[in-house]
C-alpha atoms as a PDB file:
ATOM      1  CA  MET A   1       3.358  -8.989   9.948  1.00  0.00           C
ATOM      2  CA  ILE A   2       2.980  -5.854   7.301  1.00  0.00           C
ATOM      3  CA  ASP A   3       0.734  -3.194   8.803  1.00  0.00           C
ATOM      4  CA  ARG A   4       1.791   0.374   8.400  1.00  0.00           C
ATOM      5  CA  PHE A   5      -0.648   1.806  10.749  1.00  0.00           C
ATOM      6  CA  TYR A   6      -3.270   4.345   9.155  1.00  0.00           C
ATOM      7  CA  LEU A   7      -2.020   6.207   5.878  1.00  0.00           C
ATOM      8  CA  VAL A   8      -3.131   9.657   5.741  1.00  0.00           C
ATOM      9  CA  LEU A   9      -6.210   9.984   3.620  1.00  0.00           C
ATOM     10  CA  PHE A  10      -4.884  13.456   1.908  1.00  0.00           C
ATOM     11  CA  CYS A  11      -7.112  12.463  -1.173  1.00  0.00           C
ATOM     12  CA  LEU A  12      -7.105  12.261  -4.813  1.00  0.00           C
ATOM     13  CA  LEU A  13      -8.745  14.833  -6.548  1.00  0.00           C
ATOM     14  CA  LEU A  14     -12.128  14.661  -8.452  1.00  0.00           C
ATOM     15  CA  PRO A  15     -12.140  14.839 -12.000  1.00  0.00           C
ATOM     16  CA  VAL A  16     -12.324  18.371 -13.723  1.00  0.00           C
ATOM     17  CA  GLY A  17     -15.904  18.515 -14.256  1.00  0.00           C
ATOM     18  CA  ALA A  18     -17.734  17.175 -11.140  1.00  0.00           C
ATOM     19  CA  PRO A  19     -20.982  18.645 -10.356  1.00  0.00           C
ATOM     20  CA  SER A  20     -21.742  20.927  -7.366  1.00  0.00           C
ATOM     21  CA  VAL A  21     -24.157  20.249  -5.023  1.00  0.00           C
ATOM     22  CA  ALA A  22     -26.659  23.337  -6.473  1.00  0.00           C
ATOM     23  CA  ALA A  23     -27.597  22.530  -9.719  1.00  0.00           C
ATOM     24  CA  PRO A  24     -25.942  25.693 -12.122  1.00  0.00           C
ATOM     25  CA  GLY A  25     -27.834  27.964 -14.237  1.00  0.00           C
ATOM     26  CA  PRO A  26     -28.187  27.505 -17.331  1.00  0.00           C
ATOM     27  CA  ASP A  27     -25.206  29.685 -18.526  1.00  0.00           C
ATOM     28  CA  THR A  28     -22.907  28.052 -15.473  1.00  0.00           C
ATOM     29  CA  ALA A  29     -23.712  24.574 -17.333  1.00  0.00           C
ATOM     30  CA  ALA A  30     -23.202  25.815 -21.004  1.00  0.00           C
ATOM     31  CA  LEU A  31     -19.775  27.139 -19.103  1.00  0.00           C
ATOM     32  CA  LEU A  32     -18.859  24.288 -17.618  1.00  0.00           C
ATOM     33  CA  ALA A  33     -19.413  21.962 -20.566  1.00  0.00           C
ATOM     34  CA  GLU A  34     -17.505  23.930 -22.762  1.00  0.00           C
ATOM     35  CA  ALA A  35     -14.653  24.063 -20.534  1.00  0.00           C
ATOM     36  CA  GLU A  36     -14.721  20.375 -20.154  1.00  0.00           C
ATOM     37  CA  LYS A  37     -13.992  20.350 -23.926  1.00  0.00           C
ATOM     38  CA  TYR A  38     -11.646  22.648 -24.021  1.00  0.00           C
ATOM     39  CA  TYR A  39      -9.908  20.711 -21.006  1.00  0.00           C
ATOM     40  CA  PHE A  40     -10.388  17.399 -23.034  1.00  0.00           C
ATOM     41  CA  GLY A  41      -9.492  17.904 -26.343  1.00  0.00           C
ATOM     42  CA  GLU A  42     -12.557  16.552 -27.218  1.00  0.00           C
ATOM     43  CA  GLY A  43     -13.476  17.696 -30.667  1.00  0.00           C
ATOM     44  CA  GLY A  44     -10.196  19.380 -30.533  1.00  0.00           C
ATOM     45  CA  PRO A  45      -7.240  20.251 -29.782  1.00  0.00           C
ATOM     46  CA  VAL A  46      -6.353  20.689 -25.961  1.00  0.00           C
ATOM     47  CA  ASP A  47      -6.874  24.722 -24.894  1.00  0.00           C
ATOM     48  CA  LYS A  48      -6.394  24.156 -21.255  1.00  0.00           C
ATOM     49  CA  ALA A  49      -5.717  28.166 -20.769  1.00  0.00           C
ATOM     50  CA  ARG A  50      -9.323  28.734 -22.192  1.00  0.00           C
ATOM     51  CA  ALA A  51     -11.162  26.155 -20.241  1.00  0.00           C
ATOM     52  CA  ALA A  52      -9.830  27.861 -17.543  1.00  0.00           C
ATOM     53  CA  ARG A  53     -10.828  31.059 -18.192  1.00  0.00           C
ATOM     54  CA  LEU A  54     -14.416  29.842 -18.679  1.00  0.00           C
ATOM     55  CA  PHE A  55     -14.072  28.051 -15.196  1.00  0.00           C
ATOM     56  CA  ALA A  56     -13.454  31.342 -13.862  1.00  0.00           C
ATOM     57  CA  GLN A  57     -16.180  32.334 -15.772  1.00  0.00           C
ATOM     58  CA  ALA A  58     -18.266  29.653 -14.359  1.00  0.00           C
ATOM     59  CA  CYS A  59     -17.473  30.444 -10.940  1.00  0.00           C
ATOM     60  CA  ASP A  60     -17.811  34.276 -11.419  1.00  0.00           C
ATOM     61  CA  GLY A  61     -21.538  33.285 -12.175  1.00  0.00           C
ATOM     62  CA  GLY A  62     -21.758  31.340  -8.910  1.00  0.00           C
ATOM     63  CA  GLU A  63     -21.107  27.910 -10.002  1.00  0.00           C
ATOM     64  CA  GLY A  64     -18.949  25.656  -7.187  1.00  0.00           C
ATOM     65  CA  SER A  65     -17.368  23.586  -9.414  1.00  0.00           C
ATOM     66  CA  GLY A  66     -16.270  25.646 -12.051  1.00  0.00           C
ATOM     67  CA  CYS A  67     -14.200  27.293  -8.975  1.00  0.00           C
ATOM     68  CA  TYR A  68     -13.046  23.759  -7.838  1.00  0.00           C
ATOM     69  CA  ASN A  69     -11.947  22.803 -10.772  1.00  0.00           C
ATOM     70  CA  LEU A  70     -10.452  25.955 -11.277  1.00  0.00           C
ATOM     71  CA  GLY A  71      -8.729  25.645  -8.327  1.00  0.00           C
ATOM     72  CA  VAL A  72      -7.320  22.354  -9.019  1.00  0.00           C
ATOM     73  CA  MET A  73      -5.322  23.575 -12.299  1.00  0.00           C
ATOM     74  CA  HIS A  74      -3.737  26.298  -9.988  1.00  0.00           C
ATOM     75  CA  GLU A  75      -2.697  23.626  -7.711  1.00  0.00           C
ATOM     76  CA  ASN A  76      -0.942  21.705  -9.739  1.00  0.00           C
ATOM     77  CA  GLY A  77       0.024  24.256 -12.557  1.00  0.00           C
ATOM     78  CA  ASP A  78      -2.376  22.356 -14.875  1.00  0.00           C
ATOM     79  CA  GLY A  79      -2.517  24.544 -17.685  1.00  0.00           C
ATOM     80  CA  VAL A  80      -2.233  27.727 -15.678  1.00  0.00           C
ATOM     81  CA  ALA A  81       0.613  28.562 -13.147  1.00  0.00           C
ATOM     82  CA  GLN A  82       1.089  26.939  -9.699  1.00  0.00           C
ATOM     83  CA  ASP A  83      -0.372  29.218  -7.574  1.00  0.00           C
ATOM     84  CA  LYS A  84      -1.313  27.208  -4.525  1.00  0.00           C
ATOM     85  CA  ALA A  85      -2.766  30.216  -2.750  1.00  0.00           C
ATOM     86  CA  ARG A  86      -5.179  31.021  -4.990  1.00  0.00           C
ATOM     87  CA  ALA A  87      -6.324  27.298  -5.194  1.00  0.00           C
ATOM     88  CA  ALA A  88      -6.672  27.732  -1.527  1.00  0.00           C
ATOM     89  CA  ARG A  89      -8.498  30.819  -2.198  1.00  0.00           C
ATOM     90  CA  LEU A  90     -10.636  28.699  -4.657  1.00  0.00           C
ATOM     91  CA  TYR A  91     -11.707  25.999  -3.122  1.00  0.00           C
ATOM     92  CA  GLY A  92     -12.599  28.069  -0.331  1.00  0.00           C
ATOM     93  CA  GLY A  93     -14.870  29.816  -2.819  1.00  0.00           C
ATOM     94  CA  ALA A  94     -16.520  26.661  -3.926  1.00  0.00           C
ATOM     95  CA  CYS A  95     -16.673  25.192  -0.588  1.00  0.00           C
ATOM     96  CA  ASP A  96     -19.082  28.129   0.194  1.00  0.00           C
ATOM     97  CA  ARG A  97     -20.719  27.443  -3.154  1.00  0.00           C
ATOM     98  CA  GLY A  98     -21.688  24.503  -2.168  1.00  0.00           C
ATOM     99  CA  ASN A  99     -19.563  22.544  -3.347  1.00  0.00           C
ATOM    100  CA  ALA A 100     -19.146  19.520  -0.971  1.00  0.00           C
ATOM    101  CA  ALA A 101     -15.118  18.367  -2.790  1.00  0.00           C
ATOM    102  CA  GLY A 102     -14.189  22.359  -2.742  1.00  0.00           C
ATOM    103  CA  CYS A 103     -14.450  21.861   0.986  1.00  0.00           C
ATOM    104  CA  ASN A 104     -12.432  18.880   1.450  1.00  0.00           C
ATOM    105  CA  SER A 105      -9.447  20.322  -0.802  1.00  0.00           C
ATOM    106  CA  PHE A 106      -9.895  23.420   0.969  1.00  0.00           C
ATOM    107  CA  GLY A 107      -9.736  21.189   4.559  1.00  0.00           C
ATOM    108  CA  VAL A 108      -6.610  19.709   3.161  1.00  0.00           C
ATOM    109  CA  MET A 109      -4.282  22.847   2.445  1.00  0.00           C
ATOM    110  CA  HIS A 110      -5.423  23.976   6.164  1.00  0.00           C
ATOM    111  CA  GLU A 111      -4.647  20.314   7.710  1.00  0.00           C
ATOM    112  CA  ARG A 112      -1.048  20.939   5.315  1.00  0.00           C
ATOM    113  CA  GLY A 113       0.036  24.078   5.639  1.00  0.00           C
ATOM    114  CA  ASP A 114       0.147  24.711   2.076  1.00  0.00           C
ATOM    115  CA  GLY A 115      -1.151  28.103   0.345  1.00  0.00           C
ATOM    116  CA  VAL A 116      -2.665  28.878   3.922  1.00  0.00           C
ATOM    117  CA  ALA A 117      -1.409  29.023   7.260  1.00  0.00           C
ATOM    118  CA  GLN A 118      -1.648  25.765   8.829  1.00  0.00           C
ATOM    119  CA  ASP A 119      -5.086  25.416  10.535  1.00  0.00           C
ATOM    120  CA  LYS A 120      -5.719  21.465  11.640  1.00  0.00           C
ATOM    121  CA  ALA A 121      -9.740  22.761  13.899  1.00  0.00           C
ATOM    122  CA  ARG A 122     -10.618  24.765  10.487  1.00  0.00           C
ATOM    123  CA  ALA A 123      -9.165  22.139   8.807  1.00  0.00           C
ATOM    124  CA  VAL A 124     -11.407  19.588  10.902  1.00  0.00           C
ATOM    125  CA  ARG A 125     -15.116  21.833  10.365  1.00  0.00           C
ATOM    126  CA  LEU A 126     -14.018  21.592   6.349  1.00  0.00           C
ATOM    127  CA  TYR A 127     -14.234  18.140   6.381  1.00  0.00           C
ATOM    128  CA  GLY A 128     -17.556  17.387   8.029  1.00  0.00           C
ATOM    129  CA  ARG A 129     -18.798  20.448   6.017  1.00  0.00           C
ATOM    130  CA  ALA A 130     -17.642  17.939   2.875  1.00  0.00           C
ATOM    131  CA  CYS A 131     -18.395  14.768   4.219  1.00  0.00           C
ATOM    132  CA  ASP A 132     -22.070  16.403   5.258  1.00  0.00           C
ATOM    133  CA  GLY A 133     -22.155  17.198   1.672  1.00  0.00           C
ATOM    134  CA  GLY A 134     -21.295  13.907  -0.246  1.00  0.00           C
ATOM    135  CA  ASP A 135     -17.673  14.491  -0.327  1.00  0.00           C
ATOM    136  CA  VAL A 136     -16.727  10.437   1.494  1.00  0.00           C
ATOM    137  CA  ARG A 137     -12.648  11.968   1.029  1.00  0.00           C
ATOM    138  CA  GLY A 138     -14.074  14.723   3.577  1.00  0.00           C
ATOM    139  CA  CYS A 139     -15.890  11.312   5.697  1.00  0.00           C
ATOM    140  CA  ALA A 140     -12.191   9.701   5.503  1.00  0.00           C
ATOM    141  CA  ASN A 141     -10.341  12.649   5.984  1.00  0.00           C
ATOM    142  CA  LEU A 142     -12.230  13.795   9.050  1.00  0.00           C
ATOM    143  CA  GLY A 143     -12.408   9.960  10.460  1.00  0.00           C
ATOM    144  CA  PHE A 144      -8.313   9.718  10.387  1.00  0.00           C
ATOM    145  CA  MET A 145      -7.751  13.114  12.329  1.00  0.00           C
ATOM    146  CA  HIS A 146     -10.100  11.423  14.784  1.00  0.00           C
ATOM    147  CA  VAL A 147      -8.358   8.301  14.663  1.00  0.00           C
ATOM    148  CA  LYS A 148      -4.878  10.651  15.546  1.00  0.00           C
ATOM    149  CA  GLY A 149      -6.738  13.495  17.836  1.00  0.00           C
ATOM    150  CA  ASP A 150      -4.932  15.640  15.571  1.00  0.00           C
ATOM    151  CA  GLY A 151      -7.247  19.236  14.986  1.00  0.00           C
ATOM    152  CA  VAL A 152      -9.555  17.238  17.243  1.00  0.00           C
ATOM    153  CA  GLY A 153     -10.178  15.077  20.735  1.00  0.00           C
ATOM    154  CA  ARG A 154      -9.278  11.685  20.058  1.00  0.00           C
ATOM    155  CA  ASP A 155     -12.059   9.810  19.506  1.00  0.00           C
ATOM    156  CA  THR A 156     -12.120   6.200  17.970  1.00  0.00           C
ATOM    157  CA  ALA A 157     -15.482   5.521  17.763  1.00  0.00           C
ATOM    158  CA  ARG A 158     -16.681   8.440  15.546  1.00  0.00           C
ATOM    159  CA  ALA A 159     -13.149   7.318  13.530  1.00  0.00           C
ATOM    160  CA  PHE A 160     -14.947   4.079  13.108  1.00  0.00           C
ATOM    161  CA  GLN A 161     -18.646   5.840  12.217  1.00  0.00           C
ATOM    162  CA  LEU A 162     -16.730   8.055   9.712  1.00  0.00           C
ATOM    163  CA  LEU A 163     -14.461   5.481   7.857  1.00  0.00           C
ATOM    164  CA  GLY A 164     -17.340   2.902   7.586  1.00  0.00           C
ATOM    165  CA  LYS A 165     -19.194   5.524   5.828  1.00  0.00           C
ATOM    166  CA  ALA A 166     -16.091   6.424   3.671  1.00  0.00           C
ATOM    167  CA  CYS A 167     -15.459   3.049   3.268  1.00  0.00           C
ATOM    168  CA  ASP A 168     -19.599   2.207   2.144  1.00  0.00           C
ATOM    169  CA  GLY A 169     -18.989   4.761  -0.236  1.00  0.00           C
ATOM    170  CA  GLY A 170     -16.153   3.525  -2.149  1.00  0.00           C
ATOM    171  CA  ASN A 171     -13.562   4.510  -0.449  1.00  0.00           C
ATOM    172  CA  ALA A 172     -10.638   2.197  -0.173  1.00  0.00           C
ATOM    173  CA  GLN A 173      -7.873   3.940   1.969  1.00  0.00           C
ATOM    174  CA  SER A 174     -11.017   4.012   4.836  1.00  0.00           C
ATOM    175  CA  CYS A 175     -11.118   0.423   4.646  1.00  0.00           C
ATOM    176  CA  TYR A 176      -8.305  -0.375   5.123  1.00  0.00           C
ATOM    177  CA  ASN A 177      -7.968   1.587   8.513  1.00  0.00           C
ATOM    178  CA  LEU A 178     -11.377   0.338   8.980  1.00  0.00           C
ATOM    179  CA  GLY A 179      -9.125  -3.269   8.609  1.00  0.00           C
ATOM    180  CA  VAL A 180      -6.257  -1.979  10.722  1.00  0.00           C
ATOM    181  CA  MET A 181      -8.775  -0.711  13.853  1.00  0.00           C
ATOM    182  CA  HIS A 182     -10.252  -4.383  14.040  1.00  0.00           C
ATOM    183  CA  ASN A 183      -6.596  -5.784  13.303  1.00  0.00           C
ATOM    184  CA  LYS A 184      -5.414  -4.215  16.587  1.00  0.00           C
ATOM    185  CA  GLY A 185      -8.651  -4.023  18.872  1.00  0.00           C
ATOM    186  CA  ASP A 186      -8.512  -0.117  18.663  1.00  0.00           C
ATOM    187  CA  GLY A 187     -12.010   1.294  19.083  1.00  0.00           C
ATOM    188  CA  VAL A 188     -12.979  -1.174  18.833  1.00  0.00           C
ATOM    189  CA  ALA A 189     -13.179  -5.248  19.486  1.00  0.00           C
ATOM    190  CA  GLN A 190     -10.197  -7.255  17.864  1.00  0.00           C
ATOM    191  CA  ASP A 191     -11.317  -9.497  15.405  1.00  0.00           C
ATOM    192  CA  LYS A 192      -8.355 -10.098  12.444  1.00  0.00           C
ATOM    193  CA  THR A 193     -11.482 -12.095  10.322  1.00  0.00           C
ATOM    194  CA  ARG A 194     -12.930  -8.454   9.990  1.00  0.00           C
ATOM    195  CA  ALA A 195     -10.010  -7.102   9.429  1.00  0.00           C
ATOM    196  CA  ALA A 196      -8.868  -9.553   6.872  1.00  0.00           C
ATOM    197  CA  ARG A 197     -12.404  -8.907   4.827  1.00  0.00           C
ATOM    198  CA  LEU A 198     -11.577  -5.361   4.942  1.00  0.00           C
ATOM    199  CA  TYR A 199      -8.157  -5.421   3.721  1.00  0.00           C
ATOM    200  CA  GLY A 200      -9.794  -7.454   0.259  1.00  0.00           C
ATOM    201  CA  LYS A 201     -11.771  -4.750   0.130  1.00  0.00           C
ATOM    202  CA  ALA A 202      -9.176  -2.167   0.220  1.00  0.00           C
ATOM    203  CA  CYS A 203      -7.194  -4.027  -2.207  1.00  0.00           C
ATOM    204  CA  ASP A 204     -10.091  -5.091  -4.658  1.00  0.00           C
ATOM    205  CA  GLY A 205     -10.597  -1.638  -4.433  1.00  0.00           C
ATOM    206  CA  GLY A 206      -7.134  -0.927  -5.714  1.00  0.00           C
ATOM    207  CA  TYR A 207      -5.265  -0.392  -2.092  1.00  0.00           C
ATOM    208  CA  ALA A 208      -1.630  -1.770  -2.600  1.00  0.00           C
ATOM    209  CA  LEU A 209      -1.253  -1.699   1.432  1.00  0.00           C
ATOM    210  CA  SER A 210      -3.596  -3.280   1.946  1.00  0.00           C
ATOM    211  CA  CYS A 211      -3.466  -6.289  -0.447  1.00  0.00           C
ATOM    212  CA  ALA A 212       0.158  -6.475   1.221  1.00  0.00           C
ATOM    213  CA  SER A 213      -1.704  -6.376   4.864  1.00  0.00           C
ATOM    214  CA  LEU A 214      -3.781  -9.471   3.757  1.00  0.00           C
ATOM    215  CA  GLY A 215      -1.225 -11.276   2.166  1.00  0.00           C
ATOM    216  CA  SER A 216       0.797 -10.981   5.125  1.00  0.00           C
ATOM    217  CA  MET A 217      -2.094 -12.639   7.112  1.00  0.00           C
ATOM    218  CA  TYR A 218      -2.050 -15.489   4.579  1.00  0.00           C
ATOM    219  CA  ASP A 219       1.815 -16.053   4.745  1.00  0.00           C
ATOM    220  CA  ASP A 220       1.564 -16.231   8.296  1.00  0.00           C
ATOM    221  CA  GLY A 221      -1.851 -17.522   8.519  1.00  0.00           C
ATOM    222  CA  ASP A 222      -3.249 -14.815  10.593  1.00  0.00           C
ATOM    223  CA  GLY A 223      -6.923 -14.351  11.263  1.00  0.00           C
ATOM    224  CA  VAL A 224      -7.366 -16.487   8.146  1.00  0.00           C
ATOM    225  CA  SER A 225      -6.052 -20.201   6.830  1.00  0.00           C
ATOM    226  CA  ARG A 226      -2.501 -20.056   5.856  1.00  0.00           C
ATOM    227  CA  ASP A 227      -1.890 -19.944   2.225  1.00  0.00           C
ATOM    228  CA  THR A 228       1.167 -19.351   0.772  1.00  0.00           C
ATOM    229  CA  THR A 229      -0.059 -19.201  -2.678  1.00  0.00           C
ATOM    230  CA  ARG A 230      -2.363 -16.471  -1.734  1.00  0.00           C
ATOM    231  CA  ALA A 231      -0.060 -14.921   0.074  1.00  0.00           C
ATOM    232  CA  LEU A 232       2.851 -14.746  -3.336  1.00  0.00           C
ATOM    233  CA  GLN A 233      -0.433 -13.242  -5.246  1.00  0.00           C
ATOM    234  CA  LEU A 234      -1.595 -10.856  -3.242  1.00  0.00           C
ATOM    235  CA  TYR A 235       2.609  -9.258  -2.740  1.00  0.00           C
ATOM    236  CA  GLU A 236       2.885  -9.678  -6.388  1.00  0.00           C
ATOM    237  CA  LYS A 237      -0.434  -7.048  -6.604  1.00  0.00           C
ATOM    238  CA  ALA A 238       0.635  -5.348  -4.338  1.00  0.00           C
ATOM    239  CA  CYS A 239       4.085  -4.674  -5.519  1.00  0.00           C
ATOM    240  CA  ASP A 240       2.108  -4.518  -9.200  1.00  0.00           C
ATOM    241  CA  ALA A 241       1.186  -1.506  -8.012  1.00  0.00           C
ATOM    242  CA  GLY A 242       3.647   0.332  -6.414  1.00  0.00           C
ATOM    243  CA  ASP A 243       4.201  -1.039  -2.969  1.00  0.00           C
ATOM    244  CA  ASP A 244       8.048  -1.518  -2.477  1.00  0.00           C
ATOM    245  CA  GLU A 245       8.254  -3.571   0.554  1.00  0.00           C
ATOM    246  CA  SER A 246       5.966  -6.213  -1.616  1.00  0.00           C
ATOM    247  CA  CYS A 247       8.394  -6.436  -3.959  1.00  0.00           C
ATOM    248  CA  GLU A 248      11.037  -6.696  -1.365  1.00  0.00           C
ATOM    249  CA  ILE A 249       9.429  -9.720  -0.139  1.00  0.00           C
ATOM    250  CA  LEU A 250       8.752 -11.386  -4.095  1.00  0.00           C
ATOM    251  CA  GLU A 251      12.930 -10.882  -3.290  1.00  0.00           C
ATOM    252  CA  ASP A 252      13.321 -13.068  -1.026  1.00  0.00           C
ATOM    253  CA  TRP A 253      10.796 -15.483  -2.303  1.00  0.00           C
END
């Protein structure tokens, strides 16, 4: 039975150009639009160095998205020198300017101790700000910390609420983690049928581990009617998406 417990939800970065909560003024809006043009090479060659300068100008003008996007570039060394400490400062500036994605990324860096001193209690607060600001990844990360009792007291009821919000908002990993909770009866009544539905939702959302877990349920007839054909399809989907354990299962099928 594949069920590798809860996966850490260090979430993916938003695309360059994600809006901040606060509406930008006309000057910063124009700077962001021009930065995106150079970043993506729209209507001309890609020029990420110029895009970075324009994002910096937007950030200095009070636009959180400019700070956030420049932070992404520095965190990844994308068109600029990789500088995790500067990325963290930019994410913090984005968060202070009302950009929920910045709060989430600043929280991730504090949880990991990446570019800043590790401070899990502060990560919890930042994930809360991100979640309250509408970034479902912040809800997902905060929910997972409550599952672990890491940086905050373990609270499965609160975790269930937060992961549910993130799952409803399209975060496939949170749907998977809710499925694990139902499958194990961790903080909720054990309900393998519901676990299977949640695994299916996460699998449909592109989360390979959830496809593997659902495949295992069909393989074993655990919470669903045994269906080896369906199990094989799910293992293949998980393998194609990069789940090594599913690939190993297929080799022995």
